[in-house]
Amino acid sequence: MVVNVASIAAYVVRTMSSAYSASTAAVEHLTKFQAVELGPQGVRVNAVAPGMIGTDMISWGTDEPAALQAAVEAIPLRRVGSPGDVSDAILFLLSDTSRFVTGHTLVVDGGGRHR
């Protein structure tokens, strides 16, 4: 099994992030191609696309508390995700529970991409 890590930046257009967004979109498409190419050998290939996760990277968007709070309020689950949220999604994709899932990108963003 393979789990690639992309980002919701593949879906959301923001200024000053074209290279990052394009590269993460490429990871998503690579996942689809690998799923088709490696599936006949029994290899499942999926990806996770984290949203706002509580890591050092969160400061790239803003270091202003009010702006960060506004971003959190735009997430339907009203919180920043944790690294554990992402690792749990990866563990799911690596488990037998997802044995018939391949070529999929699991978005882990608390619903934030829909706002």
N, C-alpha and C. Protein backbone atom coordinates (compact mmCIF):
# COMPACT_ATOMS: atom_id res chain seq x y z
N MET A 1 0.82 -1.17 0.00
CA MET A 1 0.00 0.00 0.00
C MET A 1 0.88 1.25 0.00
N VAL A 2 0.37 2.26 -0.67
CA VAL A 2 1.06 3.54 -0.73
C VAL A 2 0.06 4.61 -0.33
N VAL A 3 0.48 5.52 0.54
CA VAL A 3 -0.34 6.69 0.86
C VAL A 3 0.53 7.92 0.65
N ASN A 4 0.17 8.70 -0.36
CA ASN A 4 0.85 9.96 -0.64
C ASN A 4 0.21 11.06 0.20
N VAL A 5 0.96 12.12 0.44
CA VAL A 5 0.43 13.26 1.19
C VAL A 5 0.36 14.46 0.25
N ALA A 6 -0.86 14.93 0.03
CA ALA A 6 -1.11 16.10 -0.80
C ALA A 6 -1.52 17.25 0.13
N SER A 7 -2.47 18.06 -0.28
CA SER A 7 -2.97 19.16 0.54
C SER A 7 -4.25 19.67 -0.08
N ILE A 8 -5.09 20.32 0.73
CA ILE A 8 -6.29 20.92 0.13
C ILE A 8 -5.92 22.09 -0.78
N ALA A 9 -4.66 22.49 -0.75
CA ALA A 9 -4.21 23.53 -1.67
C ALA A 9 -4.41 23.11 -3.13
N ALA A 10 -4.57 21.83 -3.37
CA ALA A 10 -4.86 21.35 -4.72
C ALA A 10 -6.23 21.82 -5.19
N TYR A 11 -7.12 22.16 -4.25
CA TYR A 11 -8.50 22.52 -4.57
C TYR A 11 -8.82 23.99 -4.34
N VAL A 12 -8.04 24.66 -3.50
CA VAL A 12 -8.35 26.01 -3.07
C VAL A 12 -7.34 26.98 -3.68
N VAL A 13 -7.83 28.02 -4.33
CA VAL A 13 -6.95 29.00 -4.96
C VAL A 13 -6.69 30.14 -3.99
N ARG A 14 -5.42 30.36 -3.70
CA ARG A 14 -5.01 31.47 -2.83
C ARG A 14 -3.82 32.16 -3.50
N THR A 15 -3.72 33.45 -3.28
CA THR A 15 -2.60 34.19 -3.86
C THR A 15 -1.29 33.73 -3.22
N MET A 16 -0.23 33.87 -3.96
CA MET A 16 1.13 33.57 -3.51
C MET A 16 1.37 32.09 -3.19
N SER A 17 0.56 31.21 -3.77
CA SER A 17 0.78 29.78 -3.48
C SER A 17 0.65 28.92 -4.73
N SER A 18 0.87 29.50 -5.90
CA SER A 18 0.65 28.75 -7.13
C SER A 18 1.57 27.54 -7.25
N ALA A 19 2.83 27.67 -6.90
CA ALA A 19 3.75 26.52 -7.03
C ALA A 19 3.37 25.41 -6.05
N TYR A 20 3.04 25.77 -4.82
CA TYR A 20 2.64 24.77 -3.83
C TYR A 20 1.34 24.09 -4.26
N SER A 21 0.37 24.87 -4.69
CA SER A 21 -0.91 24.31 -5.12
C SER A 21 -0.74 23.39 -6.32
N ALA A 22 0.07 23.80 -7.28
CA ALA A 22 0.29 22.96 -8.46
C ALA A 22 1.01 21.67 -8.10
N SER A 23 1.98 21.75 -7.20
CA SER A 23 2.70 20.52 -6.85
C SER A 23 1.82 19.55 -6.07
N THR A 24 0.95 20.07 -5.22
CA THR A 24 0.08 19.16 -4.48
C THR A 24 -1.01 18.58 -5.37
N ALA A 25 -1.44 19.34 -6.38
CA ALA A 25 -2.38 18.78 -7.36
C ALA A 25 -1.69 17.67 -8.16
N ALA A 26 -0.41 17.85 -8.43
CA ALA A 26 0.34 16.80 -9.13
C ALA A 26 0.41 15.53 -8.30
N VAL A 27 0.57 15.66 -6.99
CA VAL A 27 0.59 14.48 -6.11
C VAL A 27 -0.74 13.74 -6.20
N GLU A 28 -1.83 14.49 -6.23
CA GLU A 28 -3.15 13.86 -6.33
C GLU A 28 -3.28 13.08 -7.65
N HIS A 29 -2.85 13.66 -8.74
CA HIS A 29 -2.94 12.96 -10.03
C HIS A 29 -1.96 11.80 -10.11
N LEU A 30 -0.79 11.95 -9.53
CA LEU A 30 0.16 10.84 -9.47
C LEU A 30 -0.48 9.66 -8.73
N THR A 31 -1.20 9.95 -7.67
CA THR A 31 -1.89 8.91 -6.91
C THR A 31 -2.85 8.13 -7.80
N LYS A 32 -3.62 8.84 -8.62
CA LYS A 32 -4.58 8.18 -9.52
C LYS A 32 -3.85 7.31 -10.55
N PHE A 33 -2.80 7.85 -11.14
CA PHE A 33 -2.06 7.07 -12.14
C PHE A 33 -1.41 5.84 -11.52
N GLN A 34 -0.81 6.02 -10.34
CA GLN A 34 -0.19 4.88 -9.67
C GLN A 34 -1.22 3.81 -9.31
N ALA A 35 -2.41 4.23 -8.92
CA ALA A 35 -3.46 3.27 -8.58
C ALA A 35 -3.81 2.41 -9.79
N VAL A 36 -3.91 3.03 -10.95
CA VAL A 36 -4.23 2.28 -12.17
C VAL A 36 -3.06 1.39 -12.58
N GLU A 37 -1.86 1.92 -12.50
CA GLU A 37 -0.68 1.16 -12.94
C GLU A 37 -0.31 0.03 -11.98
N LEU A 38 -0.48 0.23 -10.69
CA LEU A 38 -0.04 -0.77 -9.71
C LEU A 38 -1.16 -1.67 -9.19
N GLY A 39 -2.40 -1.30 -9.48
CA GLY A 39 -3.53 -2.10 -9.04
C GLY A 39 -3.46 -3.56 -9.47
N PRO A 40 -3.10 -3.85 -10.73
CA PRO A 40 -3.04 -5.25 -11.15
C PRO A 40 -2.06 -6.10 -10.34
N GLN A 41 -1.09 -5.45 -9.68
CA GLN A 41 -0.15 -6.19 -8.83
C GLN A 41 -0.66 -6.26 -7.38
N GLY A 42 -1.87 -5.77 -7.14
CA GLY A 42 -2.44 -5.80 -5.80
C GLY A 42 -2.01 -4.66 -4.90
N VAL A 43 -1.41 -3.63 -5.49
CA VAL A 43 -0.95 -2.48 -4.71
C VAL A 43 -2.02 -1.40 -4.75
N ARG A 44 -2.47 -0.99 -3.57
CA ARG A 44 -3.42 0.11 -3.48
C ARG A 44 -2.64 1.41 -3.26
N VAL A 45 -3.06 2.46 -3.94
CA VAL A 45 -2.40 3.76 -3.82
C VAL A 45 -3.47 4.81 -3.55
N ASN A 46 -3.33 5.50 -2.45
CA ASN A 46 -4.26 6.56 -2.08
C ASN A 46 -3.46 7.76 -1.59
N ALA A 47 -4.18 8.81 -1.23
CA ALA A 47 -3.53 10.01 -0.70
C ALA A 47 -4.40 10.61 0.38
N VAL A 48 -3.80 11.42 1.22
CA VAL A 48 -4.53 12.27 2.14
C VAL A 48 -4.24 13.72 1.76
N ALA A 49 -5.23 14.57 1.95
CA ALA A 49 -5.07 15.99 1.66
C ALA A 49 -5.47 16.78 2.91
N PRO A 50 -4.51 17.06 3.78
CA PRO A 50 -4.82 17.80 5.00
C PRO A 50 -5.19 19.25 4.70
N GLY A 51 -6.04 19.79 5.57
CA GLY A 51 -6.35 21.20 5.55
C GLY A 51 -5.50 21.91 6.58
N MET A 52 -6.13 22.77 7.37
CA MET A 52 -5.41 23.52 8.40
C MET A 52 -5.08 22.59 9.56
N ILE A 53 -3.81 22.29 9.71
CA ILE A 53 -3.34 21.37 10.74
C ILE A 53 -2.40 22.13 11.68
N GLY A 54 -2.49 21.85 12.94
CA GLY A 54 -1.69 22.55 13.96
C GLY A 54 -0.23 22.16 13.93
N THR A 55 0.49 22.67 12.95
CA THR A 55 1.94 22.47 12.83
C THR A 55 2.58 23.84 12.61
N ASP A 56 3.89 23.87 12.46
CA ASP A 56 4.58 25.14 12.19
C ASP A 56 4.11 25.77 10.89
N MET A 57 3.62 24.97 9.97
CA MET A 57 3.20 25.49 8.68
C MET A 57 1.98 26.41 8.80
N ILE A 58 1.25 26.32 9.89
CA ILE A 58 0.06 27.15 10.08
C ILE A 58 0.42 28.64 10.08
N SER A 59 1.62 28.98 10.50
CA SER A 59 2.03 30.39 10.55
C SER A 59 2.32 30.96 9.17
N TRP A 60 2.40 30.09 8.16
CA TRP A 60 2.61 30.61 6.80
C TRP A 60 1.41 31.42 6.34
N GLY A 61 0.23 31.06 6.80
CA GLY A 61 -0.97 31.77 6.38
C GLY A 61 -1.14 33.09 7.09
N THR A 62 -0.87 33.11 8.38
CA THR A 62 -1.01 34.34 9.16
C THR A 62 -0.37 34.16 10.53
N ASP A 63 0.09 35.25 11.08
CA ASP A 63 0.55 35.21 12.46
C ASP A 63 -0.30 36.13 13.33
N GLU A 64 -1.42 36.59 12.76
CA GLU A 64 -2.34 37.45 13.50
C GLU A 64 -3.43 36.60 14.13
N PRO A 65 -3.61 36.69 15.45
CA PRO A 65 -4.61 35.86 16.13
C PRO A 65 -6.03 36.03 15.57
N ALA A 66 -6.42 37.25 15.22
CA ALA A 66 -7.77 37.48 14.70
C ALA A 66 -7.97 36.78 13.35
N ALA A 67 -6.96 36.82 12.51
CA ALA A 67 -7.07 36.15 11.20
C ALA A 67 -7.11 34.64 11.37
N LEU A 68 -6.32 34.13 12.30
CA LEU A 68 -6.33 32.69 12.56
C LEU A 68 -7.69 32.26 13.11
N GLN A 69 -8.25 33.05 14.02
CA GLN A 69 -9.57 32.74 14.58
C GLN A 69 -10.63 32.75 13.49
N ALA A 70 -10.57 33.70 12.58
CA ALA A 70 -11.53 33.75 11.47
C ALA A 70 -11.41 32.52 10.59
N ALA A 71 -10.18 32.07 10.36
CA ALA A 71 -9.97 30.87 9.55
C ALA A 71 -10.56 29.64 10.25
N VAL A 72 -10.38 29.55 11.56
CA VAL A 72 -10.93 28.42 12.32
C VAL A 72 -12.46 28.46 12.28
N GLU A 73 -13.04 29.64 12.40
CA GLU A 73 -14.50 29.76 12.39
C GLU A 73 -15.09 29.40 11.03
N ALA A 74 -14.29 29.45 9.98
CA ALA A 74 -14.76 29.05 8.65
C ALA A 74 -14.76 27.53 8.47
N ILE A 75 -14.13 26.81 9.38
CA ILE A 75 -14.11 25.35 9.32
C ILE A 75 -15.37 24.83 10.01
N PRO A 76 -16.20 24.05 9.34
CA PRO A 76 -17.44 23.58 9.96
C PRO A 76 -17.25 22.89 11.32
N LEU A 77 -16.16 22.16 11.52
CA LEU A 77 -15.93 21.52 12.82
C LEU A 77 -15.31 22.47 13.84
N ARG A 78 -15.05 23.72 13.44
CA ARG A 78 -14.60 24.80 14.32
C ARG A 78 -13.32 24.51 15.11
N ARG A 79 -12.39 23.84 14.46
CA ARG A 79 -11.10 23.63 15.12
C ARG A 79 -10.04 23.39 14.07
N VAL A 80 -8.81 23.60 14.47
CA VAL A 80 -7.65 23.24 13.66
C VAL A 80 -7.44 21.74 13.82
N GLY A 81 -7.10 21.07 12.74
CA GLY A 81 -6.83 19.64 12.83
C GLY A 81 -5.51 19.38 13.53
N SER A 82 -5.35 18.16 13.97
CA SER A 82 -4.10 17.78 14.64
C SER A 82 -3.31 16.84 13.74
N PRO A 83 -2.01 16.74 13.95
CA PRO A 83 -1.25 15.74 13.21
C PRO A 83 -1.84 14.34 13.39
N GLY A 84 -2.42 14.07 14.55
CA GLY A 84 -3.07 12.78 14.79
C GLY A 84 -4.26 12.54 13.88
N ASP A 85 -4.99 13.61 13.54
CA ASP A 85 -6.11 13.46 12.61
C ASP A 85 -5.61 12.96 11.25
N VAL A 86 -4.47 13.48 10.83
CA VAL A 86 -3.90 13.08 9.54
C VAL A 86 -3.34 11.66 9.63
N SER A 87 -2.63 11.36 10.70
CA SER A 87 -2.07 10.01 10.82
C SER A 87 -3.16 8.95 10.95
N ASP A 88 -4.28 9.28 11.61
CA ASP A 88 -5.39 8.34 11.68
C ASP A 88 -5.97 8.05 10.30
N ALA A 89 -6.07 9.10 9.46
CA ALA A 89 -6.56 8.90 8.10
C ALA A 89 -5.60 8.01 7.31
N ILE A 90 -4.30 8.22 7.49
CA ILE A 90 -3.30 7.39 6.81
C ILE A 90 -3.41 5.95 7.28
N LEU A 91 -3.56 5.75 8.58
CA LEU A 91 -3.70 4.39 9.11
C LEU A 91 -4.95 3.70 8.55
N PHE A 92 -6.03 4.45 8.40
CA PHE A 92 -7.24 3.89 7.79
C PHE A 92 -6.95 3.42 6.37
N LEU A 93 -6.28 4.27 5.59
CA LEU A 93 -6.00 3.91 4.20
C LEU A 93 -5.02 2.74 4.09
N LEU A 94 -4.18 2.56 5.08
CA LEU A 94 -3.25 1.43 5.08
C LEU A 94 -3.88 0.14 5.62
N SER A 95 -5.04 0.26 6.23
CA SER A 95 -5.66 -0.90 6.89
C SER A 95 -6.50 -1.73 5.91
N ASP A 96 -6.85 -2.93 6.34
CA ASP A 96 -7.73 -3.78 5.55
C ASP A 96 -9.15 -3.24 5.48
N THR A 97 -9.51 -2.33 6.36
CA THR A 97 -10.83 -1.72 6.32
C THR A 97 -11.04 -0.99 4.99
N SER A 98 -9.97 -0.49 4.39
CA SER A 98 -10.06 0.22 3.11
C SER A 98 -9.55 -0.64 1.95
N ARG A 99 -9.68 -1.95 2.08
CA ARG A 99 -9.08 -2.88 1.11
C ARG A 99 -9.60 -2.73 -0.32
N PHE A 100 -10.75 -2.06 -0.53
CA PHE A 100 -11.27 -1.88 -1.88
C PHE A 100 -11.24 -0.40 -2.27
N VAL A 101 -10.36 0.35 -1.65
CA VAL A 101 -10.20 1.77 -1.94
C VAL A 101 -8.84 1.98 -2.57
N THR A 102 -8.82 2.55 -3.77
CA THR A 102 -7.55 2.90 -4.42
C THR A 102 -7.79 4.06 -5.37
N GLY A 103 -6.78 4.89 -5.53
CA GLY A 103 -6.89 6.05 -6.41
C GLY A 103 -7.67 7.19 -5.79
N HIS A 104 -7.85 7.15 -4.49
CA HIS A 104 -8.69 8.13 -3.79
C HIS A 104 -7.82 9.08 -2.97
N THR A 105 -8.27 10.34 -2.89
CA THR A 105 -7.65 11.30 -1.99
C THR A 105 -8.64 11.60 -0.88
N LEU A 106 -8.26 11.29 0.34
CA LEU A 106 -9.10 11.52 1.51
C LEU A 106 -8.76 12.90 2.07
N VAL A 107 -9.72 13.80 1.97
CA VAL A 107 -9.53 15.16 2.47
C VAL A 107 -9.75 15.17 3.98
N VAL A 108 -8.78 15.69 4.70
CA VAL A 108 -8.81 15.73 6.17
C VAL A 108 -8.75 17.20 6.57
N ASP A 109 -9.92 17.87 6.53
CA ASP A 109 -9.92 19.31 6.75
C ASP A 109 -11.09 19.81 7.59
N GLY A 110 -11.81 18.93 8.24
CA GLY A 110 -12.94 19.36 9.05
C GLY A 110 -14.06 20.00 8.26
N GLY A 111 -14.06 19.78 6.95
CA GLY A 111 -15.08 20.36 6.07
C GLY A 111 -14.72 21.75 5.57
N GLY A 112 -13.54 22.22 5.89
CA GLY A 112 -13.14 23.59 5.55
C GLY A 112 -13.10 23.91 4.07
N ARG A 113 -12.84 22.93 3.25
CA ARG A 113 -12.74 23.20 1.81
C ARG A 113 -14.10 23.55 1.22
N HIS A 114 -15.18 23.23 1.90
CA HIS A 114 -16.52 23.48 1.37
C HIS A 114 -17.04 24.87 1.69
N ARG A 115 -16.24 25.66 2.39
CA ARG A 115 -16.70 27.00 2.78
C ARG A 115 -16.11 28.05 1.89
